[in-house]
Amino acid sequence: MNFLFRKIDVASLVFFRIVFGVLGFADVLGSYIAKHWIDESFDVSKFQFKYFGFHWVKTLPDPWLSLTFIITMLAGLGIALGKWYRWCTIIFALGFSYIFFLEKSYYLNHGYLTILLSWWIVFMPLAKYYSMDALKKPAPAPARVSYWSLFLLQASMGIVYFYGGIAKINSDWLLNGQPMRMWLKGKSDMPILGGIWAQEWVAYFMSWSGMLLDLLVVFFLINKRTRIFALFFVLFFHLNNLILFLIGIFPFLSVTLTLLYFEPEWPRKAWAWFESKANIFQRLGNWWNGIFEGYENTTENTPQEAKGNWGPGGFSLRGNAVTGGSWKSNAIKIAIGLFFLIMMTLPFRHHLIPGSVAWTEEGHRYSWRMMLRQKHAYGTFTVKNLATNTTERIQIREHLTKRQKRKMLTHPEMILQFAHYLRDHYEAEYGNEVAVYADIRSKLNGRKYQQYTDPKVDLAKVEFSWLEHKEWVIPLKE
């Protein structure tokens, strides 16, 4: 693994730092507006769904919660500017993780990815060059860093693509064109493009091309000859997603990470091209170069063998590498090895659990199973007072927001969590034990509604297990 420590141009990492900081700021701002002001998911007086292992994360009351959002947003800007970089990365990682774990009904894959990236960049030297921190203490060496930082970012995006492609190899996606057919049909009234989305063959084309893109794009990106064509398809794919779906910053973050597969010095070359085309860019470049006078353009000084003949900046194991066994390099190797061991095995855990993962949701999260199912559900919860043998039908909206209710009814672990909340709530009110029953019907990817939960099972007595199948979930009828 010594290739991880060969030196590369820092330019693409600086580009990533700036974009990631801006996107992080925008994502937290959007979360604050949507969750705190509109949906009121962070109302401390209401129930909130917690992630397994993170029930201890509590929602702060205002103004402390709002202050947490503001500080996290400012930390994102600090990352982009490279100001107080180490502190800003730590604060952003803590703040974003805290916000993420407050409410399970807002789970998004890009939020999970952002958490992983935000903790990794704490340890990456992304602000030693072209940052406000570097203005005070310019680095004497050329703008070069160890390859492991870039490799981690490249491989993280590669895992998202490849495992997203594997997840799409299923009959609903490939043979039935679902749920893409339903989503495109819902967009048929869109101006100009609506007529295209209404064509049934478009749904199959997008399903198959999306699967093939995810599976193959990394292999085309690491090959220098096909890299530009891969980027074209990535841009087309994410542009379609941006037009059709509200998925936050994910298209922008994905394109940013995809660009890291190009040679590390590509931002320098792009800037030089702009300088040659516009005087204003030339003046800005002269001003910037005057500040960082000690920096060198490493493109010309990098040995040819260190660049490698293929791969993003060279996946070659030859060249300018650190071969020593310092404790720092060994710690980096172990951390990267453990990270990829988890990332490459966790998405397969649903194979250990019986049933369709799209139906049971068991093993869905953290597995890059993106845009694969459309589920609708309706149902009721009933609480039975075991002392008086009387029952009460629960008005769900009195306890949950609209989004929480919609997500809960299609996710068994959230159904169970809500049932336990009702158990605790009504046992405290009645002063004795209660039973909780859920009678829910659901449909998946255009199928008809069918019974989702066993209405005779007392969920108050059922314990949650992360890797065990929930027997009270009725199997999907194909």
Protein backbone atom coordinates (compact mmCIF):
# COMPACT_ATOMS: atom_id res chain seq x y z
CA MET A 1 0.00 0.00 0.00
CA ASN A 2 3.00 2.31 -0.32
CA PHE A 3 1.45 3.81 -3.46
CA LEU A 4 -0.88 5.71 -1.09
CA PHE A 5 2.03 7.91 0.00
CA ARG A 6 3.48 9.01 -3.30
CA LYS A 7 3.25 12.75 -3.89
CA ILE A 8 0.66 14.34 -6.17
CA ASP A 9 -0.47 17.84 -7.07
CA VAL A 10 -2.84 19.26 -4.45
CA ALA A 11 -4.97 21.22 -6.94
CA SER A 12 -7.89 18.79 -7.26
CA LEU A 13 -8.05 18.37 -3.48
CA VAL A 14 -8.25 22.13 -3.06
CA PHE A 15 -11.07 22.15 -5.60
CA PHE A 16 -12.89 19.48 -3.60
CA ARG A 17 -12.40 21.36 -0.32
CA ILE A 18 -13.96 24.53 -1.71
CA VAL A 19 -16.95 22.80 -3.32
CA PHE A 20 -17.55 20.50 -0.35
CA GLY A 21 -17.59 23.44 2.03
CA VAL A 22 -20.09 25.35 -0.10
CA LEU A 23 -22.32 22.29 -0.56
CA GLY A 24 -22.14 21.53 3.15
CA PHE A 25 -23.29 25.06 3.94
CA ALA A 26 -26.17 24.77 1.44
CA ASP A 27 -27.27 21.35 2.72
CA VAL A 28 -27.39 22.42 6.36
CA LEU A 29 -29.26 25.58 5.41
CA GLY A 30 -31.80 23.52 3.46
CA SER A 31 -32.19 21.13 6.39
CA TYR A 32 -32.80 24.00 8.77
CA ILE A 33 -35.51 25.50 6.59
CA ALA A 34 -37.22 22.22 5.70
CA LYS A 35 -37.01 20.31 8.98
CA HIS A 36 -37.08 23.05 11.59
CA TRP A 37 -39.36 25.68 10.07
CA ILE A 38 -41.61 23.87 7.59
CA ASP A 39 -41.98 20.26 8.76
CA GLU A 40 -41.25 20.93 12.44
CA SER A 41 -39.45 17.58 12.70
CA PHE A 42 -37.15 19.06 15.32
CA ASP A 43 -39.93 20.17 17.65
CA VAL A 44 -38.73 18.92 21.05
CA SER A 45 -42.32 18.43 22.18
CA LYS A 46 -42.95 15.79 19.49
CA PHE A 47 -41.71 12.25 18.99
CA GLN A 48 -38.64 11.70 16.83
CA PHE A 49 -37.39 8.53 15.19
CA LYS A 50 -33.83 7.68 16.20
CA TYR A 51 -31.26 5.51 14.46
CA PHE A 52 -30.25 2.22 16.01
CA GLY A 53 -27.45 2.92 18.49
CA PHE A 54 -28.15 6.67 18.54
CA HIS A 55 -31.20 6.91 20.79
CA TRP A 56 -29.07 8.99 23.16
CA VAL A 57 -28.95 11.86 20.63
CA LYS A 58 -31.39 14.45 21.97
CA THR A 59 -32.86 17.50 20.24
CA LEU A 60 -31.77 20.77 21.77
CA PRO A 61 -34.43 23.40 22.42
CA ASP A 62 -34.20 26.73 20.67
CA PRO A 63 -32.22 28.93 20.51
CA TRP A 64 -29.53 26.25 21.00
CA LEU A 65 -30.73 24.10 18.11
CA SER A 66 -30.78 27.07 15.72
CA LEU A 67 -27.34 28.07 16.97
CA THR A 68 -26.08 24.55 16.19
CA PHE A 69 -27.31 24.87 12.61
CA ILE A 70 -25.74 28.32 12.22
CA ILE A 71 -22.37 27.21 13.62
CA THR A 72 -22.36 24.15 11.34
CA MET A 73 -23.16 26.33 8.32
CA LEU A 74 -20.35 28.74 9.21
CA ALA A 75 -17.98 25.80 9.62
CA GLY A 76 -18.86 24.74 6.07
CA LEU A 77 -17.89 28.19 4.81
CA GLY A 78 -14.71 28.00 6.86
CA ILE A 79 -13.82 24.74 5.10
CA ALA A 80 -14.39 26.34 1.70
CA LEU A 81 -12.22 29.33 2.59
CA GLY A 82 -9.61 27.26 4.36
CA LYS A 83 -9.94 29.43 7.47
CA TRP A 84 -9.26 27.68 10.82
CA TYR A 85 -9.51 24.54 8.73
CA ARG A 86 -8.87 21.91 11.39
CA TRP A 87 -11.39 23.39 13.81
CA CYS A 88 -13.95 23.98 11.07
CA THR A 89 -13.74 20.38 9.82
CA ILE A 90 -14.20 19.01 13.34
CA ILE A 91 -17.11 21.35 14.08
CA PHE A 92 -18.77 20.61 10.74
CA ALA A 93 -18.38 16.84 11.14
CA LEU A 94 -19.82 16.97 14.66
CA GLY A 95 -22.63 19.35 13.72
CA PHE A 96 -23.66 17.56 10.52
CA SER A 97 -23.57 14.16 12.25
CA TYR A 98 -25.69 15.51 15.10
CA ILE A 99 -28.30 16.93 12.71
CA PHE A 100 -28.32 13.71 10.68
CA PHE A 101 -28.95 11.48 13.70
CA LEU A 102 -31.76 13.61 15.11
CA GLU A 103 -34.47 12.25 12.80
CA LYS A 104 -34.49 8.95 10.90
CA SER A 105 -37.37 9.89 8.60
CA TYR A 106 -35.02 12.26 6.76
CA TYR A 107 -32.43 9.62 5.88
CA LEU A 108 -30.78 10.26 2.52
CA ASN A 109 -27.77 8.51 1.03
CA HIS A 110 -26.04 11.81 0.35
CA GLY A 111 -26.35 12.67 4.05
CA TYR A 112 -24.65 9.41 4.97
CA LEU A 113 -21.95 10.05 2.35
CA THR A 114 -21.42 13.60 3.63
CA ILE A 115 -20.86 12.30 7.16
CA LEU A 116 -18.21 9.86 5.94
CA LEU A 117 -16.44 12.54 3.90
CA SER A 118 -16.66 15.18 6.61
CA TRP A 119 -14.86 12.95 9.13
CA TRP A 120 -12.20 11.91 6.62
CA ILE A 121 -11.28 15.48 5.66
CA VAL A 122 -10.51 16.26 9.31
CA PHE A 123 -7.31 14.28 8.78
CA MET A 124 -6.58 15.44 5.23
CA PRO A 125 -4.12 18.29 4.55
CA LEU A 126 -6.49 20.22 2.30
CA ALA A 127 -5.81 23.71 3.64
CA LYS A 128 -2.03 23.90 3.51
CA TYR A 129 -2.29 25.45 0.08
CA TYR A 130 -4.57 28.07 -1.47
CA SER A 131 -6.43 28.83 1.73
CA MET A 132 -6.75 31.65 4.23
CA ASP A 133 -4.77 29.60 6.72
CA ALA A 134 -1.90 29.42 4.22
CA LEU A 135 -1.79 33.21 3.97
CA LYS A 136 -0.33 33.37 7.46
CA LYS A 137 2.16 30.57 7.00
CA PRO A 138 2.79 29.68 3.35
CA ALA A 139 4.21 26.21 2.93
CA PRO A 140 7.84 26.23 1.70
CA ALA A 141 7.45 23.06 -0.34
CA PRO A 142 5.72 22.70 -3.72
CA ALA A 143 1.96 22.16 -3.56
CA ARG A 144 2.08 18.39 -3.31
CA VAL A 145 0.49 15.95 -0.86
CA SER A 146 0.30 12.20 -0.36
CA TYR A 147 -2.01 10.35 -2.71
CA TRP A 148 -4.03 8.66 0.07
CA SER A 149 -6.27 11.70 0.53
CA LEU A 150 -7.28 11.72 -3.12
CA PHE A 151 -7.57 7.93 -3.23
CA LEU A 152 -10.06 7.91 -0.35
CA LEU A 153 -12.31 10.42 -2.07
CA GLN A 154 -12.10 8.63 -5.42
CA ALA A 155 -12.78 5.22 -3.91
CA SER A 156 -15.67 6.51 -1.78
CA MET A 157 -17.46 7.72 -4.89
CA GLY A 158 -16.52 4.51 -6.67
CA ILE A 159 -18.23 2.46 -3.97
CA VAL A 160 -21.38 4.58 -4.24
CA TYR A 161 -21.52 4.07 -8.01
CA PHE A 162 -20.68 0.36 -8.08
CA TYR A 163 -22.90 -0.75 -5.21
CA GLY A 164 -25.68 1.45 -6.53
CA GLY A 165 -25.39 -0.50 -9.79
CA ILE A 166 -25.45 -3.88 -8.06
CA ALA A 167 -28.61 -2.89 -6.20
CA LYS A 168 -30.31 -2.09 -9.51
CA ILE A 169 -29.94 -5.67 -10.73
CA ASN A 170 -33.45 -6.73 -9.80
CA SER A 171 -36.61 -7.63 -11.68
CA ASP A 172 -38.58 -4.51 -10.75
CA TRP A 173 -35.87 -2.19 -12.06
CA LEU A 174 -34.81 -4.06 -15.20
CA LEU A 175 -37.85 -6.09 -16.30
CA ASN A 176 -40.71 -3.85 -15.16
CA GLY A 177 -39.03 -0.46 -15.38
CA GLN A 178 -40.30 0.30 -11.90
CA PRO A 179 -40.40 2.61 -10.08
CA MET A 180 -39.06 4.75 -12.94
CA ARG A 181 -42.25 4.28 -14.97
CA MET A 182 -44.39 5.70 -12.17
CA TRP A 183 -42.07 8.61 -11.52
CA LEU A 184 -41.84 9.60 -15.19
CA LYS A 185 -45.60 9.27 -15.62
CA GLY A 186 -46.00 11.74 -12.77
CA LYS A 187 -43.79 14.18 -14.70
CA SER A 188 -45.68 13.87 -18.00
CA ASP A 189 -47.23 17.32 -17.54
CA MET A 190 -43.82 18.98 -17.32
CA PRO A 191 -43.34 21.73 -19.96
CA ILE A 192 -41.28 20.72 -23.03
CA LEU A 193 -39.95 17.44 -21.57
CA GLY A 194 -43.28 16.03 -20.42
CA GLY A 195 -43.96 14.33 -23.76
CA ILE A 196 -40.64 12.52 -23.57
CA TRP A 197 -41.20 11.30 -20.00
CA ALA A 198 -44.61 9.93 -21.04
CA GLN A 199 -43.00 7.44 -23.46
CA GLU A 200 -42.81 4.02 -21.82
CA TRP A 201 -39.54 3.09 -23.51
CA VAL A 202 -37.87 6.05 -21.79
CA ALA A 203 -38.44 4.44 -18.39
CA TYR A 204 -36.73 1.23 -19.52
CA PHE A 205 -33.93 3.18 -21.17
CA MET A 206 -33.26 5.18 -18.01
CA SER A 207 -33.46 2.08 -15.81
CA TRP A 208 -31.01 0.05 -17.88
CA SER A 209 -28.66 2.93 -18.63
CA GLY A 210 -28.65 3.93 -14.96
CA MET A 211 -27.70 0.41 -13.93
CA LEU A 212 -24.96 0.15 -16.56
CA LEU A 213 -23.59 3.59 -15.74
CA ASP A 214 -23.31 2.81 -12.03
CA LEU A 215 -21.69 -0.57 -12.64
CA LEU A 216 -19.18 0.50 -15.28
CA VAL A 217 -18.44 4.19 -14.80
CA VAL A 218 -15.56 3.69 -12.37
CA PHE A 219 -13.75 1.39 -14.80
CA PHE A 220 -14.12 4.00 -17.55
CA LEU A 221 -12.99 6.79 -15.21
CA ILE A 222 -9.75 5.09 -14.23
CA ASN A 223 -8.89 4.58 -17.89
CA LYS A 224 -7.44 7.79 -19.29
CA ARG A 225 -8.72 7.13 -22.81
CA THR A 226 -12.37 6.75 -21.78
CA ARG A 227 -12.47 9.17 -18.85
CA ILE A 228 -13.91 12.16 -20.72
CA PHE A 229 -16.72 10.01 -22.19
CA ALA A 230 -17.55 8.71 -18.72
CA LEU A 231 -17.77 12.28 -17.44
CA PHE A 232 -20.18 13.17 -20.24
CA PHE A 233 -22.54 10.35 -19.25
CA VAL A 234 -22.22 11.24 -15.55
CA LEU A 235 -23.17 14.84 -16.27
CA PHE A 236 -26.14 13.73 -18.42
CA PHE A 237 -27.29 11.28 -15.73
CA HIS A 238 -27.14 13.79 -12.87
CA LEU A 239 -28.70 16.53 -14.97
CA ASN A 240 -31.71 14.27 -15.52
CA ASN A 241 -31.88 13.54 -11.79
CA LEU A 242 -31.71 17.23 -11.04
CA ILE A 243 -34.61 17.94 -13.39
CA LEU A 244 -36.79 15.05 -12.27
CA PHE A 245 -36.15 14.60 -8.57
CA LEU A 246 -35.62 16.70 -5.47
CA ILE A 247 -32.48 15.05 -4.11
CA GLY A 248 -30.64 17.99 -2.61
CA ILE A 249 -26.91 18.39 -3.16
CA PHE A 250 -26.30 14.80 -4.28
CA PRO A 251 -25.92 15.50 -8.05
CA PHE A 252 -23.43 18.30 -7.36
CA LEU A 253 -21.47 16.27 -4.81
CA SER A 254 -21.36 13.26 -7.15
CA VAL A 255 -20.06 15.30 -10.10
CA THR A 256 -17.45 16.95 -7.84
CA LEU A 257 -16.18 13.57 -6.66
CA THR A 258 -16.25 12.22 -10.22
CA LEU A 259 -13.97 15.06 -11.37
CA LEU A 260 -11.37 13.84 -8.87
CA TYR A 261 -10.69 10.90 -11.19
CA PHE A 262 -8.99 13.28 -13.61
CA GLU A 263 -5.31 14.18 -13.28
CA PRO A 264 -4.71 15.97 -9.94
CA GLU A 265 -3.46 19.10 -11.69
CA TRP A 266 -6.57 19.61 -13.85
CA PRO A 267 -7.83 22.67 -11.88
CA ARG A 268 -4.51 24.41 -12.55
CA LYS A 269 -4.83 23.70 -16.25
CA ALA A 270 -8.43 24.88 -16.27
CA TRP A 271 -7.45 28.10 -14.50
CA ALA A 272 -4.59 28.67 -16.91
CA TRP A 273 -7.02 28.28 -19.81
CA PHE A 274 -9.37 30.85 -18.32
CA GLU A 275 -6.42 33.19 -17.74
CA SER A 276 -5.49 32.94 -21.39
CA LYS A 277 -9.06 33.78 -22.46
CA ALA A 278 -9.86 36.73 -20.22
CA ASN A 279 -7.76 39.56 -18.88
CA ILE A 280 -9.69 39.64 -15.62
CA PHE A 281 -8.71 36.05 -14.91
CA GLN A 282 -5.12 36.90 -15.72
CA ARG A 283 -5.16 39.78 -13.24
CA LEU A 284 -6.73 37.55 -10.60
CA GLY A 285 -4.15 34.89 -11.34
CA ASN A 286 -1.28 37.34 -10.97
CA TRP A 287 -2.70 38.57 -7.67
CA TRP A 288 -3.15 35.01 -6.43
CA ASN A 289 0.32 33.95 -7.57
CA GLY A 290 1.76 36.96 -5.82
CA ILE A 291 0.30 35.79 -2.53
CA PHE A 292 1.51 32.24 -3.02
CA GLU A 293 4.80 33.13 -4.63
CA GLY A 294 6.58 30.12 -3.19
CA TYR A 295 4.35 27.61 -4.86
CA GLU A 296 5.41 25.79 -7.98
CA ASN A 297 3.46 24.27 -10.77
CA THR A 298 4.19 20.61 -10.15
CA THR A 299 2.84 19.44 -13.48
CA GLU A 300 6.22 19.98 -15.12
CA ASN A 301 8.24 18.79 -12.13
CA THR A 302 6.46 15.50 -11.53
CA PRO A 303 8.48 12.54 -12.82
CA GLN A 304 6.77 10.69 -15.63
CA GLU A 305 6.89 7.41 -13.78
CA ALA A 306 5.07 8.93 -10.82
CA LYS A 307 2.15 9.93 -13.00
CA GLY A 308 1.48 6.40 -14.15
CA ASN A 309 0.08 5.33 -17.48
CA TRP A 310 -3.53 5.02 -16.36
CA GLY A 311 -5.86 5.97 -13.55
CA PRO A 312 -6.70 9.25 -11.86
CA GLY A 313 -3.35 10.90 -11.48
CA GLY A 314 -1.83 7.47 -11.76
CA PHE A 315 -2.88 4.28 -10.03
CA SER A 316 0.64 3.14 -10.80
CA LEU A 317 2.45 1.56 -7.87
CA ARG A 318 5.74 2.90 -9.13
CA GLY A 319 7.25 6.29 -8.61
CA ASN A 320 7.55 8.79 -5.80
CA ALA A 321 6.27 6.72 -2.89
CA VAL A 322 6.98 6.58 0.83
CA THR A 323 8.32 3.12 1.64
CA GLY A 324 8.97 3.60 5.34
CA GLY A 325 6.87 2.06 8.08
CA SER A 326 6.25 5.09 10.30
CA TRP A 327 3.44 4.84 12.81
CA LYS A 328 1.49 7.50 10.92
CA SER A 329 1.65 5.69 7.61
CA ASN A 330 0.77 2.38 9.29
CA ALA A 331 -2.19 4.03 11.06
CA ILE A 332 -3.43 5.42 7.74
CA LYS A 333 -3.14 2.01 6.10
CA ILE A 334 -5.07 0.33 8.91
CA ALA A 335 -7.78 3.01 8.94
CA ILE A 336 -8.25 2.82 5.16
CA GLY A 337 -8.27 -0.98 5.24
CA LEU A 338 -10.93 -1.10 7.98
CA PHE A 339 -12.99 1.55 6.24
CA PHE A 340 -13.15 -0.34 2.96
CA LEU A 341 -13.74 -3.67 4.70
CA ILE A 342 -16.87 -2.19 6.28
CA MET A 343 -17.97 -0.27 3.19
CA MET A 344 -17.64 -3.32 0.92
CA THR A 345 -19.42 -5.81 3.21
CA LEU A 346 -22.16 -3.73 4.88
CA PRO A 347 -24.27 -3.38 1.69
CA PHE A 348 -24.60 -7.18 1.46
CA ARG A 349 -26.03 -7.72 4.94
CA HIS A 350 -29.59 -7.94 3.61
CA HIS A 351 -28.68 -11.33 2.09
CA LEU A 352 -28.52 -12.65 5.67
CA ILE A 353 -32.16 -11.67 6.22
CA PRO A 354 -35.09 -13.43 4.48
CA GLY A 355 -37.51 -11.49 2.33
CA SER A 356 -37.29 -8.67 -0.20
CA VAL A 357 -35.18 -5.82 1.14
CA ALA A 358 -37.31 -3.32 -0.78
CA TRP A 359 -40.36 -4.60 1.14
CA THR A 360 -38.96 -5.26 4.62
CA GLU A 361 -36.36 -2.43 4.52
CA GLU A 362 -34.05 -4.75 6.48
CA GLY A 363 -30.53 -3.96 5.30
CA HIS A 364 -31.60 -1.02 3.15
CA ARG A 365 -29.81 1.87 4.87
CA TYR A 366 -26.07 2.45 4.40
CA SER A 367 -26.12 0.17 1.34
CA TRP A 368 -26.36 2.71 -1.51
CA ARG A 369 -29.75 1.34 -2.54
CA MET A 370 -30.85 4.53 -4.29
CA MET A 371 -34.14 5.31 -6.07
CA LEU A 372 -35.21 1.65 -6.13
CA ARG A 373 -38.70 1.61 -4.68
CA GLN A 374 -41.90 3.56 -4.45
CA LYS A 375 -44.03 2.55 -1.46
CA HIS A 376 -47.38 3.77 -0.20
CA ALA A 377 -49.15 2.63 2.95
CA TYR A 378 -52.07 3.34 5.20
CA GLY A 379 -53.19 1.85 8.47
CA THR A 380 -54.08 2.23 12.12
CA PHE A 381 -52.56 1.71 15.55
CA THR A 382 -54.65 0.45 18.45
CA VAL A 383 -53.68 0.59 22.12
CA LYS A 384 -55.33 -1.90 24.48
CA ASN A 385 -55.50 -1.22 28.22
CA LEU A 386 -54.78 -4.65 29.69
CA ALA A 387 -56.26 -3.72 33.05
CA THR A 388 -59.66 -2.61 31.74
CA ASN A 389 -59.62 -4.58 28.46
CA THR A 390 -60.59 -1.40 26.57
CA THR A 391 -59.05 -0.24 23.30
CA GLU A 392 -58.27 3.16 21.82
CA ARG A 393 -57.60 3.90 18.16
CA ILE A 394 -54.65 6.26 17.82
CA GLN A 395 -54.74 9.45 15.77
CA ILE A 396 -51.24 9.24 14.30
CA ARG A 397 -51.09 12.90 13.24
CA GLU A 398 -51.41 13.93 16.88
CA HIS A 399 -47.98 12.40 17.49
CA LEU A 400 -46.12 12.63 14.17
CA THR A 401 -45.55 15.11 11.37
CA LYS A 402 -46.86 14.36 7.88
CA ARG A 403 -43.46 13.18 6.68
CA GLN A 404 -42.84 11.05 9.76
CA LYS A 405 -46.19 9.31 9.31
CA ARG A 406 -45.57 8.64 5.61
CA LYS A 407 -42.11 7.18 6.23
CA MET A 408 -43.10 5.25 9.32
CA LEU A 409 -45.94 3.35 7.64
CA THR A 410 -43.54 1.88 5.04
CA HIS A 411 -40.59 1.08 7.36
CA PRO A 412 -41.09 -1.82 9.82
CA GLU A 413 -38.37 -0.71 12.24
CA MET A 414 -40.04 2.71 12.46
CA ILE A 415 -43.43 1.03 12.96
CA LEU A 416 -41.93 -0.87 15.87
CA GLN A 417 -40.26 2.23 17.26
CA PHE A 418 -43.53 4.17 17.13
CA ALA A 419 -45.35 1.25 18.78
CA HIS A 420 -42.85 1.32 21.65
CA TYR A 421 -43.36 5.05 21.97
CA LEU A 422 -47.13 4.51 22.21
CA ARG A 423 -46.57 1.77 24.77
CA ASP A 424 -44.48 4.02 27.01
CA HIS A 425 -46.81 7.00 26.50
CA TYR A 426 -50.03 5.17 27.38
CA GLU A 427 -48.55 3.07 30.17
CA ALA A 428 -47.55 6.33 31.83
CA GLU A 429 -51.08 7.70 31.23
CA TYR A 430 -53.00 4.58 32.35
CA GLY A 431 -50.63 3.49 35.08
CA ASN A 432 -50.57 -0.13 33.88
CA GLU A 433 -49.42 -2.32 30.98
CA VAL A 434 -50.83 -1.91 27.49
CA ALA A 435 -50.72 -3.82 24.21
CA VAL A 436 -50.09 -2.09 20.87
CA TYR A 437 -51.31 -3.44 17.53
CA ALA A 438 -50.57 -2.15 14.02
CA ASP A 439 -52.90 -2.93 11.12
CA ILE A 440 -51.11 -1.59 8.03
CA ARG A 441 -51.46 -2.23 4.31
CA SER A 442 -48.78 -1.26 1.80
CA LYS A 443 -47.93 -1.49 -1.88
CA LEU A 444 -44.54 -1.60 -3.61
CA ASN A 445 -43.60 -0.38 -7.10
CA GLY A 446 -47.08 -0.36 -8.61
CA ARG A 447 -48.36 -3.59 -7.08
CA LYS A 448 -51.73 -3.75 -5.36
CA TYR A 449 -52.07 -3.02 -1.66
CA GLN A 450 -51.51 -6.02 0.58
CA GLN A 451 -51.35 -6.65 4.31
CA TYR A 452 -48.01 -5.36 5.62
CA THR A 453 -48.13 -6.12 9.34
CA ASP A 454 -49.76 -8.87 11.36
CA PRO A 455 -52.55 -7.05 13.22
CA LYS A 456 -52.66 -9.75 15.92
CA VAL A 457 -49.05 -9.29 17.11
CA ASP A 458 -48.58 -7.17 20.22
CA LEU A 459 -45.70 -4.91 19.15
CA ALA A 460 -45.29 -3.65 22.71
CA LYS A 461 -43.63 -6.98 23.53
CA VAL A 462 -41.50 -7.26 20.37
CA GLU A 463 -37.83 -6.30 20.77
CA PHE A 464 -35.85 -4.72 17.97
CA SER A 465 -32.92 -6.56 16.40
CA TRP A 466 -30.73 -5.07 13.70
CA LEU A 467 -30.00 -8.31 11.82
CA GLU A 468 -33.03 -10.46 12.59
CA HIS A 469 -36.05 -10.70 10.36
CA LYS A 470 -39.28 -9.23 11.72
CA GLU A 471 -41.68 -12.17 11.65
CA TRP A 472 -44.68 -9.88 12.10
CA VAL A 473 -44.06 -8.36 8.64
CA ILE A 474 -46.21 -10.20 6.08
CA PRO A 475 -44.06 -11.44 3.14
CA LEU A 476 -44.43 -9.69 -0.21
CA LYS A 477 -46.68 -11.40 -2.72
CA GLU A 478 -44.89 -11.16 -6.05
